[in-house]
Structures are given as C-alpha cells and as structure tokens.
C-alpha atoms as a PDB file:
ATOM      1  CA  UNK A   1      -2.652 -10.157  40.780  1.00  0.00           C
ATOM      2  CA  UNK A   2      -3.658  -7.396  43.165  1.00  0.00           C
ATOM      3  CA  UNK A   3      -6.929  -5.441  43.467  1.00  0.00           C
ATOM      4  CA  UNK A   4      -8.030  -2.470  45.558  1.00  0.00           C
ATOM      5  CA  UNK A   5     -11.268  -0.483  45.580  1.00  0.00           C
ATOM      6  CA  UNK A   6     -11.912   3.237  46.013  1.00  0.00           C
ATOM      7  CA  UNK A   7     -15.328   3.820  47.528  1.00  0.00           C
ATOM      8  CA  UNK A   8     -16.961   7.171  48.242  1.00  0.00           C
ATOM      9  CA  UNK A   9     -19.943   9.421  47.694  1.00  0.00           C
ATOM     10  CA  UNK A  10     -20.376  11.636  44.611  1.00  0.00           C
ATOM     11  CA  UNK A  11     -17.806  14.407  44.926  1.00  0.00           C
ATOM     12  CA  UNK A  12     -15.508  12.443  47.260  1.00  0.00           C
ATOM     13  CA  UNK A  13     -12.759  12.580  44.625  1.00  0.00           C
ATOM     14  CA  UNK A  14     -12.333   8.909  43.733  1.00  0.00           C
ATOM     15  CA  UNK A  15     -11.438   9.515  40.093  1.00  0.00           C
ATOM     16  CA  UNK A  16      -9.061  12.379  40.858  1.00  0.00           C
ATOM     17  CA  UNK A  17      -7.267  10.437  43.587  1.00  0.00           C
ATOM     18  CA  UNK A  18      -7.001   7.353  41.370  1.00  0.00           C
ATOM     19  CA  UNK A  19      -5.449   9.297  38.500  1.00  0.00           C
ATOM     20  CA  UNK A  20      -3.020  11.076  40.840  1.00  0.00           C
ATOM     21  CA  UNK A  21      -1.726   7.996  42.674  1.00  0.00           C
ATOM     22  CA  UNK A  22      -1.759   5.301  40.001  1.00  0.00           C
ATOM     23  CA  UNK A  23       1.817   5.934  38.865  1.00  0.00           C
ATOM     24  CA  UNK A  24       3.114   6.136  42.429  1.00  0.00           C
ATOM     25  CA  UNK A  25       1.644   2.769  43.380  1.00  0.00           C
ATOM     26  CA  UNK A  26       1.637   1.165  39.891  1.00  0.00           C
ATOM     27  CA  UNK A  27      -2.047   0.257  39.830  1.00  0.00           C
ATOM     28  CA  UNK A  28      -4.183   0.482  36.688  1.00  0.00           C
ATOM     29  CA  UNK A  29      -7.185   2.773  37.236  1.00  0.00           C
ATOM     30  CA  UNK A  30     -10.379   0.891  36.372  1.00  0.00           C
ATOM     31  CA  UNK A  31     -13.670   2.780  36.030  1.00  0.00           C
ATOM     32  CA  UNK A  32     -16.582   0.541  35.060  1.00  0.00           C
ATOM     33  CA  UNK A  33     -18.262   3.588  33.500  1.00  0.00           C
ATOM     34  CA  UNK A  34     -15.258   4.069  31.212  1.00  0.00           C
ATOM     35  CA  UNK A  35     -15.239   0.337  30.454  1.00  0.00           C
ATOM     36  CA  UNK A  36     -18.889   0.465  29.421  1.00  0.00           C
ATOM     37  CA  UNK A  37     -18.379   3.500  27.195  1.00  0.00           C
ATOM     38  CA  UNK A  38     -15.332   1.887  25.578  1.00  0.00           C
ATOM     39  CA  UNK A  39     -17.176  -1.405  24.963  1.00  0.00           C
ATOM     40  CA  UNK A  40     -20.123   0.469  23.439  1.00  0.00           C
ATOM     41  CA  UNK A  41     -17.878   2.581  21.214  1.00  0.00           C
ATOM     42  CA  UNK A  42     -16.021  -0.529  20.029  1.00  0.00           C
ATOM     43  CA  UNK A  43     -19.380  -2.260  19.444  1.00  0.00           C
ATOM     44  CA  UNK A  44     -18.316  -5.281  21.485  1.00  0.00           C
ATOM     45  CA  UNK A  45     -21.097  -7.794  22.265  1.00  0.00           C
ATOM     46  CA  UNK A  46     -21.187  -6.810  25.939  1.00  0.00           C
ATOM     47  CA  UNK A  47     -21.143  -3.131  24.992  1.00  0.00           C
ATOM     48  CA  UNK A  48     -24.104  -3.559  22.665  1.00  0.00           C
ATOM     49  CA  UNK A  49     -25.948  -5.507  25.367  1.00  0.00           C
ATOM     50  CA  UNK A  50     -25.299  -2.724  27.875  1.00  0.00           C
ATOM     51  CA  UNK A  51     -26.367  -0.082  25.341  1.00  0.00           C
ATOM     52  CA  UNK A  52     -29.812  -1.653  25.007  1.00  0.00           C
ATOM     53  CA  UNK A  53     -30.429  -1.235  28.734  1.00  0.00           C
ATOM     54  CA  UNK A  54     -29.071   2.324  28.767  1.00  0.00           C
ATOM     55  CA  UNK A  55     -31.243   3.349  25.809  1.00  0.00           C
ATOM     56  CA  UNK A  56     -34.289   2.218  27.783  1.00  0.00           C
ATOM     57  CA  UNK A  57     -33.155   4.294  30.751  1.00  0.00           C
ATOM     58  CA  UNK A  58     -32.431   1.164  32.788  1.00  0.00           C
ATOM     59  CA  UNK A  59     -29.402   0.293  34.912  1.00  0.00           C
ATOM     60  CA  UNK A  60     -26.916  -2.064  33.302  1.00  0.00           C
ATOM     61  CA  UNK A  61     -27.371  -5.425  35.112  1.00  0.00           C
ATOM     62  CA  UNK A  62     -24.698  -6.714  37.474  1.00  0.00           C
ATOM     63  CA  UNK A  63     -23.934  -9.736  35.299  1.00  0.00           C
ATOM     64  CA  UNK A  64     -22.987  -7.508  32.341  1.00  0.00           C
ATOM     65  CA  UNK A  65     -20.701  -5.349  34.506  1.00  0.00           C
ATOM     66  CA  UNK A  66     -19.100  -8.440  36.036  1.00  0.00           C
ATOM     67  CA  UNK A  67     -18.534 -10.000  32.617  1.00  0.00           C
ATOM     68  CA  UNK A  68     -16.677  -6.830  31.583  1.00  0.00           C
ATOM     69  CA  UNK A  69     -14.593  -6.992  34.763  1.00  0.00           C
ATOM     70  CA  UNK A  70     -13.862 -10.668  34.165  1.00  0.00           C
ATOM     71  CA  UNK A  71     -12.786  -9.934  30.572  1.00  0.00           C
ATOM     72  CA  UNK A  72     -10.406  -7.273  31.865  1.00  0.00           C
ATOM     73  CA  UNK A  73      -8.852  -9.591  34.437  1.00  0.00           C
ATOM     74  CA  UNK A  74      -8.565 -12.500  32.007  1.00  0.00           C
ATOM     75  CA  UNK A  75      -6.780 -10.305  29.477  1.00  0.00           C
ATOM     76  CA  UNK A  76      -4.299  -9.021  32.086  1.00  0.00           C
ATOM     77  CA  UNK A  77      -1.048 -10.537  33.281  1.00  0.00           C
ATOM     78  CA  UNK A  78      -0.760 -12.593  36.465  1.00  0.00           C
ATOM     79  CA  UNK A  79       1.055  -9.704  38.174  1.00  0.00           C
ATOM     80  CA  UNK A  80      -1.467  -7.025  37.096  1.00  0.00           C
ATOM     81  CA  UNK A  81      -2.606  -4.519  39.727  1.00  0.00           C
ATOM     82  CA  UNK A  82      -6.060  -2.972  39.479  1.00  0.00           C
ATOM     83  CA  UNK A  83      -7.581   0.010  41.281  1.00  0.00           C
ATOM     84  CA  UNK A  84     -11.375  -0.095  40.897  1.00  0.00           C
ATOM     85  CA  UNK A  85     -13.074   3.289  41.090  1.00  0.00           C
ATOM     86  CA  UNK A  86     -16.593   3.121  42.570  1.00  0.00           C
ATOM     87  CA  UNK A  87     -17.057  -0.598  41.920  1.00  0.00           C
ATOM     88  CA  UNK A  88     -18.540  -2.676  43.429  1.00  0.00           C
ATOM     89  CA  UNK A  89     -21.533  -0.558  44.488  1.00  0.00           C
ATOM     90  CA  UNK A  90     -23.620  -3.210  46.273  1.00  0.00           C
ATOM     91  CA  UNK A  91     -22.992  -6.250  48.458  1.00  0.00           C
ATOM     92  CA  UNK A  92     -24.312  -8.510  45.684  1.00  0.00           C
ATOM     93  CA  UNK A  93     -21.734  -7.059  43.286  1.00  0.00           C
ATOM     94  CA  UNK A  94     -19.009  -7.414  45.938  1.00  0.00           C
ATOM     95  CA  UNK A  95     -19.758 -11.095  46.489  1.00  0.00           C
ATOM     96  CA  UNK A  96     -19.701 -11.833  42.750  1.00  0.00           C
ATOM     97  CA  UNK A  97     -16.554  -9.717  42.359  1.00  0.00           C
ATOM     98  CA  UNK A  98     -14.867 -11.827  45.075  1.00  0.00           C
ATOM     99  CA  UNK A  99     -15.785 -14.951  43.085  1.00  0.00           C
ATOM    100  CA  UNK A 100     -14.299 -13.504  39.873  1.00  0.00           C
ATOM    101  CA  UNK A 101     -11.062 -12.606  41.657  1.00  0.00           C
ATOM    102  CA  UNK A 102     -10.861 -15.944  43.485  1.00  0.00           C
ATOM    103  CA  UNK A 103     -11.093 -17.751  40.145  1.00  0.00           C
ATOM    104  CA  UNK A 104      -7.840 -16.004  39.245  1.00  0.00           C
ATOM    105  CA  UNK A 105      -6.182 -16.625  42.606  1.00  0.00           C
ATOM    106  CA  UNK A 106      -6.702 -13.048  43.766  1.00  0.00           C
ATOM    107  CA  UNK A 107      -8.776 -11.057  46.270  1.00  0.00           C
ATOM    108  CA  UNK A 108      -9.549  -7.475  47.230  1.00  0.00           C
ATOM    109  CA  UNK A 109      -6.585  -6.274  49.265  1.00  0.00           C
ATOM    110  CA  UNK A 110      -7.973  -2.950  50.511  1.00  0.00           C
ATOM    111  CA  UNK A 111     -11.191  -0.967  50.159  1.00  0.00           C
ATOM    112  CA  UNK A 112     -10.464   2.711  50.773  1.00  0.00           C
ATOM    113  CA  UNK A 113     -13.605   4.553  51.901  1.00  0.00           C
ATOM    114  CA  UNK A 114     -13.118   8.258  51.115  1.00  0.00           C
ATOM    115  CA  UNK A 115     -15.046  10.129  53.798  1.00  0.00           C
ATOM    116  CA  UNK A 116     -16.043  13.762  53.203  1.00  0.00           C
ATOM    117  CA  UNK A 117     -18.652  15.759  55.194  1.00  0.00           C
ATOM    118  CA  UNK A 118     -21.871  16.396  53.289  1.00  0.00           C
ATOM    119  CA  UNK A 119     -21.466  20.175  53.367  1.00  0.00           C
ATOM    120  CA  UNK A 120     -18.060  19.850  51.688  1.00  0.00           C
ATOM    121  CA  UNK A 121     -19.482  17.538  49.008  1.00  0.00           C
ATOM    122  CA  UNK A 122     -22.255  20.043  48.290  1.00  0.00           C
ATOM    123  CA  UNK A 123     -19.750  22.878  47.965  1.00  0.00           C
ATOM    124  CA  UNK A 124     -17.587  20.821  45.606  1.00  0.00           C
ATOM    125  CA  UNK A 125     -20.371  19.603  43.336  1.00  0.00           C
ATOM    126  CA  UNK A 126     -22.549  22.698  43.285  1.00  0.00           C
ATOM    127  CA  UNK A 127     -19.514  24.850  42.569  1.00  0.00           C
ATOM    128  CA  UNK A 128     -18.473  22.728  39.604  1.00  0.00           C
ATOM    129  CA  UNK A 129     -18.427  24.271  36.139  1.00  0.00           C
ATOM    130  CA  UNK A 130     -17.587  22.490  32.862  1.00  0.00           C
ATOM    131  CA  UNK A 131     -16.338  23.682  29.495  1.00  0.00           C
ATOM    132  CA  UNK A 132     -18.845  22.441  26.947  1.00  0.00           C
ATOM    133  CA  UNK A 133     -16.225  22.497  24.180  1.00  0.00           C
ATOM    134  CA  UNK A 134     -13.403  20.428  25.709  1.00  0.00           C
ATOM    135  CA  UNK A 135     -14.772  19.071  28.993  1.00  0.00           C
ATOM    136  CA  UNK A 136     -12.316  20.886  31.280  1.00  0.00           C
ATOM    137  CA  UNK A 137     -13.634  21.083  34.836  1.00  0.00           C
ATOM    138  CA  UNK A 138     -13.526  24.153  37.084  1.00  0.00           C
ATOM    139  CA  UNK A 139     -14.920  25.156  40.466  1.00  0.00           C
ATOM    140  CA  UNK A 140     -16.114  28.603  41.478  1.00  0.00           C
ATOM    141  CA  UNK A 141     -14.680  28.078  44.968  1.00  0.00           C
ATOM    142  CA  UNK A 142     -11.353  26.371  44.322  1.00  0.00           C
ATOM    143  CA  UNK A 143     -10.414  26.362  40.630  1.00  0.00           C
ATOM    144  CA  UNK A 144     -11.639  29.282  38.568  1.00  0.00           C
ATOM    145  CA  UNK A 145     -10.386  29.853  35.001  1.00  0.00           C
ATOM    146  CA  UNK A 146      -7.461  32.266  34.789  1.00  0.00           C
ATOM    147  CA  UNK A 147      -9.734  34.631  32.840  1.00  0.00           C
ATOM    148  CA  UNK A 148     -13.285  34.621  34.197  1.00  0.00           C
ATOM    149  CA  UNK A 149     -15.644  32.800  31.844  1.00  0.00           C
ATOM    150  CA  UNK A 150     -12.885  31.673  29.466  1.00  0.00           C
ATOM    151  CA  UNK A 151     -11.608  28.082  29.398  1.00  0.00           C
ATOM    152  CA  UNK A 152      -7.874  27.810  30.127  1.00  0.00           C
ATOM    153  CA  UNK A 153      -7.572  24.758  27.883  1.00  0.00           C
ATOM    154  CA  UNK A 154      -9.360  25.736  24.669  1.00  0.00           C
ATOM    155  CA  UNK A 155     -10.446  29.375  25.005  1.00  0.00           C
ATOM    156  CA  UNK A 156     -14.153  28.615  24.808  1.00  0.00           C
ATOM    157  CA  UNK A 157     -16.546  30.902  26.661  1.00  0.00           C
ATOM    158  CA  UNK A 158     -19.197  28.184  26.931  1.00  0.00           C
ATOM    159  CA  UNK A 159     -18.641  27.197  30.560  1.00  0.00           C
ATOM    160  CA  UNK A 160     -21.753  25.856  32.239  1.00  0.00           C
ATOM    161  CA  UNK A 161     -23.188  24.174  35.323  1.00  0.00           C
ATOM    162  CA  UNK A 162     -24.734  20.731  34.844  1.00  0.00           C
ATOM    163  CA  UNK A 163     -28.480  20.679  35.455  1.00  0.00           C
ATOM    164  CA  UNK A 164     -28.107  18.024  38.164  1.00  0.00           C
ATOM    165  CA  UNK A 165     -25.338  19.860  40.039  1.00  0.00           C
ATOM    166  CA  UNK A 166     -27.845  21.484  42.393  1.00  0.00           C
ATOM    167  CA  UNK A 167     -28.125  21.118  46.153  1.00  0.00           C
ATOM    168  CA  UNK A 168     -31.535  19.429  46.039  1.00  0.00           C
ATOM    169  CA  UNK A 169     -30.439  16.884  43.438  1.00  0.00           C
ATOM    170  CA  UNK A 170     -27.144  16.228  45.187  1.00  0.00           C
ATOM    171  CA  UNK A 171     -28.795  15.695  48.576  1.00  0.00           C
ATOM    172  CA  UNK A 172     -31.006  13.074  46.966  1.00  0.00           C
ATOM    173  CA  UNK A 173     -27.995  11.370  45.343  1.00  0.00           C
ATOM    174  CA  UNK A 174     -26.153  11.346  48.664  1.00  0.00           C
ATOM    175  CA  UNK A 175     -29.165   9.849  50.441  1.00  0.00           C
ATOM    176  CA  UNK A 176     -29.318   7.096  47.811  1.00  0.00           C
ATOM    177  CA  UNK A 177     -25.563   6.479  48.099  1.00  0.00           C
ATOM    178  CA  UNK A 178     -25.747   6.146  51.873  1.00  0.00           C
ATOM    179  CA  UNK A 179     -28.665   3.711  51.696  1.00  0.00           C
ATOM    180  CA  UNK A 180     -27.068   1.583  48.981  1.00  0.00           C
ATOM    181  CA  UNK A 181     -23.581   1.409  50.460  1.00  0.00           C
ATOM    182  CA  UNK A 182     -24.286   0.992  54.185  1.00  0.00           C
ATOM    183  CA  UNK A 183     -24.481  -2.799  53.779  1.00  0.00           C
ATOM    184  CA  UNK A 184     -21.483  -2.824  51.427  1.00  0.00           C
ATOM    185  CA  UNK A 185     -19.348  -0.902  53.922  1.00  0.00           C
ATOM    186  CA  UNK A 186     -20.400  -3.329  56.664  1.00  0.00           C
ATOM    187  CA  UNK A 187     -19.505  -6.264  54.384  1.00  0.00           C
ATOM    188  CA  UNK A 188     -15.967  -5.048  53.731  1.00  0.00           C
ATOM    189  CA  UNK A 189     -15.520  -4.050  57.371  1.00  0.00           C
ATOM    190  CA  UNK A 190     -16.353  -7.602  58.456  1.00  0.00           C
ATOM    191  CA  UNK A 191     -13.971  -9.028  55.851  1.00  0.00           C
ATOM    192  CA  UNK A 192     -11.272  -6.824  57.359  1.00  0.00           C
ATOM    193  CA  UNK A 193     -10.191  -4.887  54.273  1.00  0.00           C
ATOM    194  CA  UNK A 194     -12.002  -1.554  54.817  1.00  0.00           C
ATOM    195  CA  UNK A 195      -9.820   1.510  55.418  1.00  0.00           C
ATOM    196  CA  UNK A 196     -11.553   4.786  56.276  1.00  0.00           C
ATOM    197  CA  UNK A 197      -9.721   7.803  54.856  1.00  0.00           C
ATOM    198  CA  UNK A 198     -10.427  11.463  55.656  1.00  0.00           C
ATOM    199  CA  UNK A 199     -10.700  12.754  52.084  1.00  0.00           C
ATOM    200  CA  UNK A 200     -11.282  16.476  52.647  1.00  0.00           C
ATOM    201  CA  UNK A 201      -7.703  17.312  51.641  1.00  0.00           C
ATOM    202  CA  UNK A 202      -6.696  15.691  48.345  1.00  0.00           C
ATOM    203  CA  UNK A 203      -2.952  15.510  48.985  1.00  0.00           C
ATOM    204  CA  UNK A 204      -3.419  14.081  52.487  1.00  0.00           C
ATOM    205  CA  UNK A 205      -5.828  11.508  51.030  1.00  0.00           C
ATOM    206  CA  UNK A 206      -3.319  10.427  48.405  1.00  0.00           C
ATOM    207  CA  UNK A 207      -0.489  10.222  50.933  1.00  0.00           C
ATOM    208  CA  UNK A 208      -2.575   8.083  53.294  1.00  0.00           C
ATOM    209  CA  UNK A 209      -3.489   5.592  50.549  1.00  0.00           C
ATOM    210  CA  UNK A 210       0.074   5.421  49.255  1.00  0.00           C
ATOM    211  CA  UNK A 211       1.361   4.711  52.787  1.00  0.00           C
ATOM    212  CA  UNK A 212      -1.004   1.754  53.097  1.00  0.00           C
ATOM    213  CA  UNK A 213      -0.101   0.336  49.709  1.00  0.00           C
ATOM    214  CA  UNK A 214       3.635   0.749  50.155  1.00  0.00           C
ATOM    215  CA  UNK A 215       3.602  -0.283  53.819  1.00  0.00           C
END
C-alpha cells in the first residue's frame, strides 16, 4: 500500500492536479469532503453521524474523518495507492493518520506542498465563476466561456460568483490556513517526507510530482 498527500492553500490547485496526474501515476484520488458527501448520501452510519455535526454548523470531528479513512483503506487491496487531497489538515490528524497507515503496514511516502503566492491565489479565486445549472467552473482571467455569459457545457446563462469568493474573505481563509498548517508542515518536514512544489504553473506542477513518484 502506498499513500501520498497533496497539501496547499485554497486555490493552490490540489484537486485539479490530483485529477490530472492520477492516471499517470496510478494513484486513487481521495478527497475527504467527497467521502463525507458520499457517506451522507448513502446514509451510512458514519455519514449520518457527520451530518448531525454539519447541520449544527460544526466541524466534523477528527475521529469521524479518520474512521472513514480507515474504512477506505481496509476495503482496499494490499497494493492500493492513495493520493489524499487536503488531508490531513492538522498535526493531530497527521499523527492519527500515521497510526491508521501503520496498522496496515504502510506510511505516507510524500507530502507535496503546493506553494502559490498569495496574489496569484487571490486572482484565481476571485476570478472564479460557476455555472449554477451544471457546476462548470470558469475564470474571468484564464478560462472564460466561449460565448460570454453562456456555459460551454450546458448552455445556461446563470453563471455566478460565489459569495465567499471575495478578496476579504479569501485573505481571512488564507490567514487561517497558514496558522493551522504551519505546525503540520513542520511535522512532515521533520519526518522527511515534505516536498515543496512551485505550483503557479499547473503543467510544471504535475510534471514535478510525477518525476518524484516515478523516480
């Protein structure tokens, strides 16, 4: 079993990079957010437990997240390869995650820290636009619809900016991210698995990660 982690601030491109490289490196893309939504939709016991916290506006506790991760690993084959997107988020989660992996004779092989300057993150996030009908994502700076105001995928004209995709909100989210992950980054650096990747250019980011995993 093999496990890697993609770590980075909001807008760093973790999900995009994961989806683009997973076939090249044969790792399954694991997003704990997707796992939670799937467990809730399927009305699994852990999903229903998580839903109760979410309905109260509370964070889902670490032990629930880790139980979901453990279920995933237990259901996988001994040669499974997992690419975790944005998990773990704290040192406490990382330590428990190490215990879960160790119980299956595995460990985190690499933690790729996607580094992007704040001004680039702001441009990416604040320029984002979403089709309300089908969820297609655009950007006023880098990926406009072929016909202005019309979704390429479904033809809807209901393309909007999320209320929290503003500079003030994003700066606050980035401040929180930096505070929460400083200790986590230090933890993985001391363990010797942290790899810092310049993630301004998507293709260069993907090539760098693939080189490490195939090297």
